[in-house]
Amino acid sequence: MSVRPLLQRQARVRSLIRHRLESRGFLEVDTPIVASELLPEVSIDPYTVMHGNEKKFLPTSPEPHMKRLLAEDSGSIFQFAHCFRRDERGPYHDTEFTMLEWYEPGADLTSTAELITLLLHDSLHTNGLQRLSCREAFIQHAGIDPMTASVGAFVQASHFHDVGIPDSISSLPEEQQWSLVFELLLSEIVSPQLGTPQPTMLEFWPASESAFAQLDSTDKQVSLRFEVFVAGIELMNGWQEETCSSTIQNRLEKTNIIRTSFEKQKLPLPNRLLAVHDNMPEGVGVALGFDRLVMLASGADSIDAVRYFNSDNS
């Protein structure tokens, strides 16, 4: 059987995205595939490689390098990047995958929602985008308000929905317990209900789950973070970028503390990025799982069905 139809599907979706972004003034960029620094995240573990006597990383995301370009006045940029994450394998995951990432200075969540609507219409022929706050989604699908719920209330909600909670949770600090149960309810109960019949933009997350997002200027308990779901599948995430270097450094240091509490390796901070982070323009950054997008566009049930190469045959 010819591989060409598969390659044509990938190329078609790439072409549609490039046309849309370039018509909006974006430049396509290319960043290193062997990196000296990355942005530590609690749940993501990088591959390391030796470069002479120096330990480097395969990028889990092009984010730190793209943000360095933004800090040097690159303007709006996008990239189709090969990314690598340890121990991720399943219908929608692989240890190596393609990520579309873009940054648009001057954008806000409303203009970004408009762009996402256009991109999804181009590639999936969807119409419209439901915008739903994290609070509304949890109340509607899990019966609990994440903006006011305690750890105990989250645990009760998890038991009600038959969501298993690891026994080890009791050994964690209360804030980490809260985040863990929040993520379990999100992935097991809330997310599967989103993105049907039209894509859903799940926005305005609790401040504790802000990642690298700004906090809402009118309510510091809320972050300007979002994820987009199609047919219950997370397709992209993003946020109104926090541009303060000291704020980002504090969050990264806290991330490393949490990693060590889970007996994970502490990761070095991205000092080159932090040195210029204050120069980043206000705007929005978005990461989209390109393999998942092609999968959805093809009506397939796994990313392996729309890729010739994967971690099992490469």
Protein backbone atom coordinates (compact mmCIF):
# COMPACT_ATOMS: atom_id res chain seq x y z
CA MET A 1 0.00 0.00 0.00
CA SER A 2 1.38 3.42 -0.95
CA VAL A 3 2.38 5.78 1.84
CA ARG A 4 1.67 8.78 -0.37
CA PRO A 5 -1.99 9.38 0.70
CA LEU A 6 -0.86 9.53 4.33
CA LEU A 7 1.88 12.02 3.49
CA GLN A 8 -0.56 14.06 1.43
CA ARG A 9 -2.94 14.40 4.40
CA GLN A 10 -0.14 15.66 6.62
CA ALA A 11 1.09 18.07 3.95
CA ARG A 12 -2.42 19.37 3.28
CA VAL A 13 -3.03 20.27 6.92
CA ARG A 14 0.41 21.89 7.23
CA SER A 15 -0.25 23.92 4.11
CA LEU A 16 -3.60 25.17 5.40
CA ILE A 17 -2.05 26.23 8.71
CA ARG A 18 0.91 27.95 7.05
CA HIS A 19 -1.39 29.87 4.72
CA ARG A 20 -3.61 31.05 7.57
CA LEU A 21 -0.77 32.12 9.86
CA GLU A 22 1.38 33.72 7.15
CA SER A 23 -1.63 35.69 5.88
CA ARG A 24 -1.89 37.06 9.42
CA GLY A 25 1.74 38.23 9.39
CA PHE A 26 3.41 35.32 11.17
CA LEU A 27 6.94 34.17 10.30
CA GLU A 28 7.86 30.48 10.40
CA VAL A 29 10.97 29.85 12.52
CA ASP A 30 13.27 26.97 13.38
CA THR A 31 14.81 26.42 16.82
CA PRO A 32 17.44 23.96 18.15
CA ILE A 33 16.76 20.24 18.37
CA VAL A 34 19.48 19.81 21.02
CA ALA A 35 18.92 22.32 23.78
CA SER A 36 20.98 23.51 26.73
CA GLU A 37 17.89 24.52 28.68
CA LEU A 38 14.16 23.88 28.93
CA LEU A 39 11.18 24.94 31.01
CA PRO A 40 10.70 22.48 33.89
CA GLU A 41 7.19 21.02 34.21
CA VAL A 42 5.93 18.67 36.90
CA SER A 43 4.53 15.94 34.65
CA ILE A 44 6.97 16.10 31.71
CA ASP A 45 10.34 14.33 31.76
CA PRO A 46 12.96 15.15 29.12
CA TYR A 47 15.48 12.99 27.30
CA THR A 48 19.09 13.96 27.96
CA VAL A 49 21.99 13.74 25.53
CA MET A 50 25.70 14.32 26.03
CA HIS A 51 27.34 17.05 23.96
CA GLY A 52 31.00 16.58 24.74
CA ASN A 53 31.11 16.81 28.52
CA GLU A 54 27.92 18.86 28.72
CA LYS A 55 24.50 17.36 29.39
CA LYS A 56 21.84 18.74 27.07
CA PHE A 57 18.19 18.00 26.34
CA LEU A 58 15.97 17.03 23.47
CA PRO A 59 13.29 19.72 23.57
CA THR A 60 9.98 18.91 25.24
CA SER A 61 8.68 22.07 23.55
CA PRO A 62 10.17 24.87 21.42
CA GLU A 63 8.79 27.36 23.96
CA PRO A 64 12.00 28.62 25.64
CA HIS A 65 13.77 29.28 22.34
CA MET A 66 10.75 30.87 20.69
CA LYS A 67 10.34 33.16 23.69
CA ARG A 68 13.97 34.24 23.35
CA LEU A 69 13.16 35.23 19.76
CA LEU A 70 10.11 37.16 20.96
CA ALA A 71 12.29 39.02 23.45
CA GLU A 72 14.49 40.09 20.52
CA ASP A 73 11.51 41.62 18.67
CA SER A 74 10.77 38.72 16.31
CA GLY A 75 7.11 39.66 16.02
CA SER A 76 4.49 36.95 15.47
CA ILE A 77 6.13 33.55 14.93
CA PHE A 78 5.17 29.89 14.52
CA GLN A 79 6.96 26.56 14.23
CA PHE A 80 6.28 22.90 13.46
CA ALA A 81 8.65 21.38 16.02
CA HIS A 82 9.75 17.85 16.81
CA CYS A 83 9.34 17.39 20.56
CA PHE A 84 10.43 14.59 22.87
CA ARG A 85 8.97 13.44 26.18
CA ARG A 86 9.94 10.34 28.14
CA ASP A 87 7.45 7.58 28.91
CA GLU A 88 4.58 8.97 26.85
CA ARG A 89 2.95 6.35 24.62
CA GLY A 90 -0.67 5.72 23.74
CA PRO A 91 -3.34 6.43 21.12
CA TYR A 92 -2.77 10.19 21.40
CA HIS A 93 0.81 10.23 22.70
CA ASP A 94 4.29 9.25 21.59
CA THR A 95 7.74 9.94 22.93
CA GLU A 96 8.47 11.92 19.75
CA PHE A 97 5.73 14.01 18.19
CA THR A 98 5.14 17.16 16.15
CA MET A 99 3.94 20.30 17.87
CA LEU A 100 2.68 23.44 16.19
CA GLU A 101 3.50 26.37 18.44
CA TRP A 102 2.75 30.01 17.78
CA TYR A 103 3.14 33.35 19.56
CA GLU A 104 1.28 36.51 18.68
CA PRO A 105 2.34 39.78 20.35
CA GLY A 106 -0.61 42.05 21.08
CA ALA A 107 -3.13 39.20 21.04
CA ASP A 108 -5.57 38.47 23.83
CA LEU A 109 -7.81 35.48 24.51
CA THR A 110 -10.62 36.89 22.37
CA SER A 111 -8.49 37.46 19.27
CA THR A 112 -6.82 34.09 19.84
CA ALA A 113 -10.22 32.39 20.01
CA GLU A 114 -11.04 33.97 16.65
CA LEU A 115 -7.79 32.65 15.14
CA ILE A 116 -8.36 29.18 16.59
CA THR A 117 -11.86 29.15 15.12
CA LEU A 118 -10.43 29.89 11.67
CA LEU A 119 -7.64 27.30 11.94
CA LEU A 120 -10.05 24.58 13.03
CA HIS A 121 -12.50 25.51 10.28
CA ASP A 122 -9.66 25.28 7.73
CA SER A 123 -8.43 21.89 8.90
CA LEU A 124 -11.50 20.18 10.45
CA HIS A 125 -14.37 22.06 8.77
CA THR A 126 -15.81 22.92 12.18
CA ASN A 127 -18.01 25.95 12.75
CA GLY A 128 -17.62 28.16 15.78
CA LEU A 129 -15.87 27.70 19.10
CA GLN A 130 -17.58 27.26 22.45
CA ARG A 131 -15.88 29.34 25.15
CA LEU A 132 -16.41 27.83 28.58
CA SER A 133 -14.80 28.83 31.86
CA CYS A 134 -13.09 26.17 33.94
CA ARG A 135 -15.53 26.97 36.74
CA GLU A 136 -18.59 26.47 34.50
CA ALA A 137 -17.24 23.21 33.10
CA PHE A 138 -16.51 21.67 36.50
CA ILE A 139 -19.89 22.70 37.90
CA GLN A 140 -21.69 21.34 34.85
CA HIS A 141 -19.84 18.03 34.46
CA ALA A 142 -18.33 17.25 37.88
CA GLY A 143 -20.80 19.02 40.18
CA ILE A 144 -18.13 21.05 41.97
CA ASP A 145 -16.80 24.61 41.84
CA PRO A 146 -12.99 24.49 41.45
CA MET A 147 -12.65 28.13 42.50
CA THR A 148 -13.94 27.40 46.02
CA ALA A 149 -13.53 23.64 46.53
CA SER A 150 -11.26 22.26 49.23
CA VAL A 151 -9.14 19.14 48.84
CA GLY A 152 -11.74 17.23 50.83
CA ALA A 153 -14.55 18.38 48.54
CA PHE A 154 -12.51 17.38 45.48
CA VAL A 155 -11.85 13.94 46.98
CA GLN A 156 -15.57 13.48 47.68
CA ALA A 157 -16.39 14.46 44.09
CA SER A 158 -13.79 11.97 42.85
CA HIS A 159 -15.34 9.16 44.89
CA PHE A 160 -18.80 10.10 43.60
CA HIS A 161 -17.57 9.82 40.00
CA ASP A 162 -15.54 6.64 40.71
CA VAL A 163 -12.25 8.37 39.93
CA GLY A 164 -9.37 6.52 41.54
CA ILE A 165 -7.00 8.54 43.72
CA PRO A 166 -3.47 7.25 44.46
CA ASP A 167 -2.93 6.19 48.08
CA SER A 168 0.28 8.22 48.12
CA ILE A 169 -1.66 11.49 47.85
CA SER A 170 -1.86 11.83 51.64
CA SER A 171 1.92 12.27 51.83
CA LEU A 172 1.82 15.37 49.62
CA PRO A 173 1.37 18.98 50.75
CA GLU A 174 -2.24 20.15 50.57
CA GLU A 175 -1.70 22.38 47.53
CA GLN A 176 -0.23 19.46 45.57
CA GLN A 177 -3.08 17.21 46.66
CA TRP A 178 -5.54 19.80 45.31
CA SER A 179 -3.75 20.05 41.96
CA LEU A 180 -3.54 16.28 41.58
CA VAL A 181 -7.25 15.71 42.19
CA PHE A 182 -8.13 18.69 39.98
CA GLU A 183 -6.18 17.10 37.12
CA LEU A 184 -7.78 13.70 37.72
CA LEU A 185 -11.30 15.15 37.62
CA LEU A 186 -10.42 17.21 34.56
CA SER A 187 -9.00 14.29 32.59
CA GLU A 188 -11.47 11.59 33.71
CA ILE A 189 -14.77 13.46 34.04
CA VAL A 190 -14.72 16.95 32.51
CA SER A 191 -12.54 16.64 29.39
CA PRO A 192 -14.45 13.74 27.76
CA GLN A 193 -17.58 15.94 27.73
CA LEU A 194 -15.92 18.84 25.90
CA GLY A 195 -15.56 19.59 22.21
CA THR A 196 -18.85 18.16 20.96
CA PRO A 197 -20.67 19.18 18.80
CA GLN A 198 -18.21 22.05 18.30
CA PRO A 199 -14.69 22.66 19.66
CA THR A 200 -14.51 23.95 23.23
CA MET A 201 -12.07 26.53 24.59
CA LEU A 202 -11.81 25.80 28.32
CA GLU A 203 -10.52 29.06 29.79
CA PHE A 204 -9.93 31.00 33.01
CA TRP A 205 -8.22 28.33 35.08
CA PRO A 206 -7.54 28.49 38.83
CA ALA A 207 -4.45 30.58 39.61
CA SER A 208 -2.72 27.54 41.12
CA GLU A 209 -2.82 25.90 37.67
CA SER A 210 -1.59 28.98 35.80
CA ALA A 211 1.61 27.44 34.35
CA PHE A 212 3.14 30.47 32.55
CA ALA A 213 -0.10 32.44 32.22
CA GLN A 214 -0.86 35.88 33.54
CA LEU A 215 -3.35 36.18 36.36
CA ASP A 216 -6.57 38.03 35.62
CA SER A 217 -6.11 41.70 36.53
CA THR A 218 -9.62 41.80 38.01
CA ASP A 219 -9.44 38.49 39.91
CA LYS A 220 -6.08 37.11 41.01
CA GLN A 221 -7.67 33.73 41.76
CA VAL A 222 -8.06 33.22 38.01
CA SER A 223 -5.37 32.72 35.36
CA LEU A 224 -5.64 33.55 31.66
CA ARG A 225 -4.92 29.98 30.64
CA PHE A 226 -6.93 27.80 28.26
CA GLU A 227 -7.10 24.42 26.57
CA VAL A 228 -9.02 23.53 23.42
CA PHE A 229 -10.87 20.23 23.07
CA VAL A 230 -12.33 18.50 20.02
CA ALA A 231 -14.51 15.43 20.57
CA GLY A 232 -13.18 15.05 24.12
CA ILE A 233 -9.53 15.18 23.02
CA GLU A 234 -7.20 17.93 24.18
CA LEU A 235 -5.84 19.50 21.00
CA MET A 236 -4.08 22.62 22.22
CA ASN A 237 -3.25 24.73 25.23
CA GLY A 238 -2.10 28.27 25.72
CA TRP A 239 -2.32 31.44 27.71
CA GLN A 240 -1.90 35.16 27.91
CA GLU A 241 1.84 35.15 28.55
CA GLU A 242 3.25 36.24 31.89
CA THR A 243 6.18 38.48 30.93
CA CYS A 244 7.73 39.16 34.36
CA SER A 245 10.98 37.23 34.68
CA SER A 246 10.96 37.03 38.49
CA THR A 247 7.39 35.69 38.48
CA ILE A 248 8.33 32.97 35.99
CA GLN A 249 11.48 32.10 37.94
CA ASN A 250 9.46 31.73 41.15
CA ARG A 251 7.00 29.42 39.40
CA LEU A 252 9.81 27.31 37.93
CA GLU A 253 11.52 26.98 41.31
CA LYS A 254 8.21 25.85 42.79
CA THR A 255 7.85 23.34 39.94
CA ASN A 256 11.21 21.81 40.84
CA ILE A 257 10.18 21.54 44.48
CA ILE A 258 7.06 19.65 43.42
CA ARG A 259 9.11 17.43 41.08
CA THR A 260 11.37 16.39 43.95
CA SER A 261 8.33 15.61 46.12
CA PHE A 262 7.33 13.11 43.41
CA GLU A 263 10.90 11.74 43.47
CA LYS A 264 11.62 13.22 40.06
CA GLN A 265 14.85 14.83 38.91
CA LYS A 266 15.24 18.54 39.58
CA LEU A 267 15.78 20.32 36.26
CA PRO A 268 18.01 23.33 35.59
CA LEU A 269 16.32 26.69 35.14
CA PRO A 270 16.39 28.33 31.68
CA ASN A 271 18.77 31.12 32.63
CA ARG A 272 19.27 32.40 29.09
CA LEU A 273 15.51 32.87 28.75
CA LEU A 274 15.12 34.37 32.21
CA ALA A 275 17.83 36.93 31.41
CA VAL A 276 15.69 38.40 28.60
CA HIS A 277 12.19 37.40 29.69
CA ASP A 278 11.28 40.92 30.83
CA ASN A 279 11.71 42.04 27.19
CA MET A 280 8.95 39.73 25.97
CA PRO A 281 5.96 41.57 24.53
CA GLU A 282 2.45 41.12 25.88
CA GLY A 283 0.62 38.50 23.86
CA VAL A 284 -0.62 34.92 23.63
CA GLY A 285 1.22 31.65 23.02
CA VAL A 286 -0.43 28.43 21.86
CA ALA A 287 0.80 24.83 21.54
CA LEU A 288 -1.15 22.46 19.27
CA GLY A 289 -0.64 18.71 18.89
CA PHE A 290 -0.19 18.50 15.12
CA ASP A 291 -0.42 14.70 14.96
CA ARG A 292 -3.72 14.85 16.85
CA LEU A 293 -5.03 17.49 14.45
CA VAL A 294 -4.23 15.30 11.43
CA MET A 295 -5.81 12.34 13.25
CA LEU A 296 -9.02 14.30 13.81
CA ALA A 297 -9.00 15.61 10.23
CA SER A 298 -8.67 12.02 8.95
CA GLY A 299 -11.30 10.47 11.22
CA ALA A 300 -8.65 8.14 12.67
CA ASP A 301 -8.58 6.87 16.25
CA SER A 302 -4.86 7.17 16.97
CA ILE A 303 -1.94 9.34 15.90
CA ASP A 304 -0.10 6.23 14.66
CA ALA A 305 -2.79 5.85 11.99
CA VAL A 306 -1.73 9.15 10.39
CA ARG A 307 2.07 8.80 10.73
CA TYR A 308 4.36 6.39 8.92
CA PHE A 309 7.07 6.61 11.58
CA ASN A 310 6.58 6.28 15.33
CA SER A 311 8.69 5.32 18.34
CA ASP A 312 8.07 1.62 17.67
CA ASN A 313 9.37 1.55 14.08
CA SER A 314 11.79 4.46 13.86
